[in-house]
Amino acid sequence: MSLAHRPIASHRCICEDMCVYEIRFAEGVEEDLRKIRIYYRNQILDAIEEQLVHEPDIRTRNRKLLENLIPPWQTVASIWELRIGEYRVFYDVSPTESVVYVRAVRRKARGSKTEDIL
């Protein structure tokens, strides 16, 4: 499976106030996704496309800003977490470029801390 074959929205502004963000995957994300069963992998990719293309830096029931967390990778800005069942997508947002950088996808077991899965 290659992420290059999966269409994810590209950058374009609909109006002055609403942009569609381009989704870019870090190198290790493809490997993270290969470890996940295809059913859950498709759920994760669908959720990324549905929830991160518009306003990825707005808190929702499934999205939160991880304050005071220092991730093990280089980021553009503060790191966010998208919750999809027992999986977590870690990403950061560059509003000036209208790009969401997906940095990692991890399974979070019940009772574990975010710091433990990074």
C-alpha atoms as a PDB file:
ATOM      1  CA  MET A   1       0.000   0.000   0.000  1.00  0.00           C
ATOM      2  CA  SER A   2       1.344   3.372  -0.906  1.00  0.00           C
ATOM      3  CA  LEU A   3      -0.113   6.600   0.389  1.00  0.00           C
ATOM      4  CA  ALA A   4       0.631   8.116  -3.001  1.00  0.00           C
ATOM      5  CA  HIS A   5      -2.216   5.997  -4.402  1.00  0.00           C
ATOM      6  CA  ARG A   6      -4.758   7.217  -1.886  1.00  0.00           C
ATOM      7  CA  PRO A   7      -6.303  10.544  -2.950  1.00  0.00           C
ATOM      8  CA  ILE A   8      -6.294  13.082  -0.155  1.00  0.00           C
ATOM      9  CA  ALA A   9      -7.525  16.618  -0.657  1.00  0.00           C
ATOM     10  CA  SER A  10      -5.073  19.139  -1.983  1.00  0.00           C
ATOM     11  CA  HIS A  11      -4.689  22.804  -1.036  1.00  0.00           C
ATOM     12  CA  ARG A  12      -7.312  25.233  -2.270  1.00  0.00           C
ATOM     13  CA  CYS A  13      -9.206  28.078  -0.678  1.00  0.00           C
ATOM     14  CA  ILE A  14     -12.954  28.109  -1.037  1.00  0.00           C
ATOM     15  CA  CYS A  15     -13.253  31.664   0.208  1.00  0.00           C
ATOM     16  CA  GLU A  16     -11.181  34.016   2.325  1.00  0.00           C
ATOM     17  CA  ASP A  17     -12.176  32.291   5.558  1.00  0.00           C
ATOM     18  CA  MET A  18     -12.231  28.621   4.571  1.00  0.00           C
ATOM     19  CA  CYS A  19      -9.333  26.666   3.143  1.00  0.00           C
ATOM     20  CA  VAL A  20      -8.964  23.030   2.290  1.00  0.00           C
ATOM     21  CA  TYR A  21      -5.759  21.721   3.807  1.00  0.00           C
ATOM     22  CA  GLU A  22      -3.373  19.459   1.981  1.00  0.00           C
ATOM     23  CA  ILE A  23      -2.497  16.283   3.882  1.00  0.00           C
ATOM     24  CA  ARG A  24       1.155  15.203   3.904  1.00  0.00           C
ATOM     25  CA  PHE A  25       2.379  12.011   5.543  1.00  0.00           C
ATOM     26  CA  ALA A  26       5.765  11.745   7.249  1.00  0.00           C
ATOM     27  CA  GLU A  27       8.078   8.894   6.249  1.00  0.00           C
ATOM     28  CA  GLY A  28       7.218   6.551   9.110  1.00  0.00           C
ATOM     29  CA  VAL A  29       3.443   6.842   8.741  1.00  0.00           C
ATOM     30  CA  GLU A  30       3.235   4.373   5.856  1.00  0.00           C
ATOM     31  CA  GLU A  31       5.042   1.812   8.018  1.00  0.00           C
ATOM     32  CA  ASP A  32       2.701   2.599  10.946  1.00  0.00           C
ATOM     33  CA  LEU A  33      -0.317   1.988   8.712  1.00  0.00           C
ATOM     34  CA  ARG A  34       1.053  -1.279   7.291  1.00  0.00           C
ATOM     35  CA  LYS A  35       1.035  -2.715  10.812  1.00  0.00           C
ATOM     36  CA  ILE A  36      -2.697  -2.042  11.150  1.00  0.00           C
ATOM     37  CA  ARG A  37      -5.349  -4.408   9.803  1.00  0.00           C
ATOM     38  CA  ILE A  38      -6.871  -3.164   6.541  1.00  0.00           C
ATOM     39  CA  TYR A  39     -10.320  -2.545   8.061  1.00  0.00           C
ATOM     40  CA  TYR A  40      -8.930  -0.180  10.707  1.00  0.00           C
ATOM     41  CA  ARG A  41      -6.423   1.309   8.272  1.00  0.00           C
ATOM     42  CA  ASN A  42      -9.262   2.359   5.971  1.00  0.00           C
ATOM     43  CA  GLN A  43     -11.165   3.847   8.915  1.00  0.00           C
ATOM     44  CA  ILE A  44      -8.094   5.855   9.871  1.00  0.00           C
ATOM     45  CA  LEU A  45      -7.474   7.138   6.335  1.00  0.00           C
ATOM     46  CA  ASP A  46     -11.158   8.039   5.929  1.00  0.00           C
ATOM     47  CA  ALA A  47     -11.134   9.911   9.248  1.00  0.00           C
ATOM     48  CA  ILE A  48      -7.970  11.802   8.277  1.00  0.00           C
ATOM     49  CA  GLU A  49      -9.616  12.925   5.069  1.00  0.00           C
ATOM     50  CA  GLU A  50     -12.941  13.802   6.705  1.00  0.00           C
ATOM     51  CA  GLN A  51     -11.648  15.523   9.830  1.00  0.00           C
ATOM     52  CA  LEU A  52      -8.333  17.134   8.923  1.00  0.00           C
ATOM     53  CA  VAL A  53      -9.037  18.707   5.536  1.00  0.00           C
ATOM     54  CA  HIS A  54     -11.156  21.530   6.997  1.00  0.00           C
ATOM     55  CA  GLU A  55     -10.176  23.375  10.187  1.00  0.00           C
ATOM     56  CA  PRO A  56      -7.691  20.775  11.500  1.00  0.00           C
ATOM     57  CA  ASP A  57      -6.630  23.162  14.271  1.00  0.00           C
ATOM     58  CA  ILE A  58     -10.068  23.442  15.877  1.00  0.00           C
ATOM     59  CA  ARG A  59     -10.774  21.319  18.956  1.00  0.00           C
ATOM     60  CA  THR A  60     -13.575  18.782  18.560  1.00  0.00           C
ATOM     61  CA  ARG A  61     -14.735  15.698  20.389  1.00  0.00           C
ATOM     62  CA  ASN A  62     -12.083  13.649  18.553  1.00  0.00           C
ATOM     63  CA  ARG A  63      -9.342  16.257  18.109  1.00  0.00           C
ATOM     64  CA  LYS A  64      -7.265  17.881  20.793  1.00  0.00           C
ATOM     65  CA  LEU A  65      -4.119  19.927  21.087  1.00  0.00           C
ATOM     66  CA  LEU A  66      -1.456  18.104  23.082  1.00  0.00           C
ATOM     67  CA  GLU A  67      -0.059  20.872  25.207  1.00  0.00           C
ATOM     68  CA  ASN A  68       3.323  20.382  26.883  1.00  0.00           C
ATOM     69  CA  LEU A  69       4.030  17.217  24.876  1.00  0.00           C
ATOM     70  CA  ILE A  70       7.392  17.029  23.169  1.00  0.00           C
ATOM     71  CA  PRO A  71       7.138  14.491  20.338  1.00  0.00           C
ATOM     72  CA  PRO A  72      10.106  12.367  19.172  1.00  0.00           C
ATOM     73  CA  TRP A  73      10.003  13.995  15.715  1.00  0.00           C
ATOM     74  CA  GLN A  74      10.466  17.466  14.240  1.00  0.00           C
ATOM     75  CA  THR A  75       7.238  19.488  14.041  1.00  0.00           C
ATOM     76  CA  VAL A  76       6.119  22.672  12.360  1.00  0.00           C
ATOM     77  CA  ALA A  77       3.900  23.693  15.270  1.00  0.00           C
ATOM     78  CA  SER A  78       2.178  22.222  18.318  1.00  0.00           C
ATOM     79  CA  ILE A  79       1.183  18.590  18.014  1.00  0.00           C
ATOM     80  CA  TRP A  80      -2.467  17.531  17.729  1.00  0.00           C
ATOM     81  CA  GLU A  81      -4.136  14.183  18.326  1.00  0.00           C
ATOM     82  CA  LEU A  82      -7.016  12.780  16.283  1.00  0.00           C
ATOM     83  CA  ARG A  83      -8.849   9.948  18.036  1.00  0.00           C
ATOM     84  CA  ILE A  84     -10.234   7.137  15.871  1.00  0.00           C
ATOM     85  CA  GLY A  85     -11.453   4.323  18.094  1.00  0.00           C
ATOM     86  CA  GLU A  86      -8.396   2.914  19.827  1.00  0.00           C
ATOM     87  CA  TYR A  87      -6.032   4.543  17.320  1.00  0.00           C
ATOM     88  CA  ARG A  88      -4.440   7.977  17.500  1.00  0.00           C
ATOM     89  CA  VAL A  89      -3.197  10.096  14.607  1.00  0.00           C
ATOM     90  CA  PHE A  90      -0.576  12.645  15.617  1.00  0.00           C
ATOM     91  CA  TYR A  91      -0.236  15.676  13.396  1.00  0.00           C
ATOM     92  CA  ASP A  92       0.735  19.317  13.253  1.00  0.00           C
ATOM     93  CA  VAL A  93      -0.648  22.141  11.141  1.00  0.00           C
ATOM     94  CA  SER A  94       0.979  24.867   9.091  1.00  0.00           C
ATOM     95  CA  PRO A  95      -1.789  27.446   8.565  1.00  0.00           C
ATOM     96  CA  THR A  96       0.434  29.624   6.364  1.00  0.00           C
ATOM     97  CA  GLU A  97       0.992  26.719   3.938  1.00  0.00           C
ATOM     98  CA  SER A  98      -2.480  25.192   4.517  1.00  0.00           C
ATOM     99  CA  VAL A  99      -0.812  21.840   5.163  1.00  0.00           C
ATOM    100  CA  VAL A 100      -1.472  19.152   7.757  1.00  0.00           C
ATOM    101  CA  TYR A 101       1.581  17.017   8.487  1.00  0.00           C
ATOM    102  CA  VAL A 102       0.597  13.562   9.745  1.00  0.00           C
ATOM    103  CA  ARG A 103       3.562  12.433  11.867  1.00  0.00           C
ATOM    104  CA  ALA A 104       2.486   9.087  13.342  1.00  0.00           C
ATOM    105  CA  VAL A 105      -0.407   6.640  13.781  1.00  0.00           C
ATOM    106  CA  ARG A 106      -0.436   4.561  16.944  1.00  0.00           C
ATOM    107  CA  ARG A 107      -2.741   2.195  18.791  1.00  0.00           C
ATOM    108  CA  LYS A 108      -3.526   3.418  22.280  1.00  0.00           C
ATOM    109  CA  ALA A 109      -4.503   0.648  24.638  1.00  0.00           C
ATOM    110  CA  ARG A 110      -7.067   1.427  27.314  1.00  0.00           C
ATOM    111  CA  GLY A 111      -5.389   2.879  30.374  1.00  0.00           C
ATOM    112  CA  SER A 112      -2.174   3.871  28.598  1.00  0.00           C
ATOM    113  CA  LYS A 113      -0.887   7.415  28.352  1.00  0.00           C
ATOM    114  CA  THR A 114      -0.200   9.284  25.128  1.00  0.00           C
ATOM    115  CA  GLU A 115       3.460   9.659  26.109  1.00  0.00           C
ATOM    116  CA  ASP A 116       3.721   5.859  26.336  1.00  0.00           C
ATOM    117  CA  ILE A 117       2.709   5.247  22.724  1.00  0.00           C
ATOM    118  CA  LEU A 118       4.980   7.801  21.101  1.00  0.00           C
END
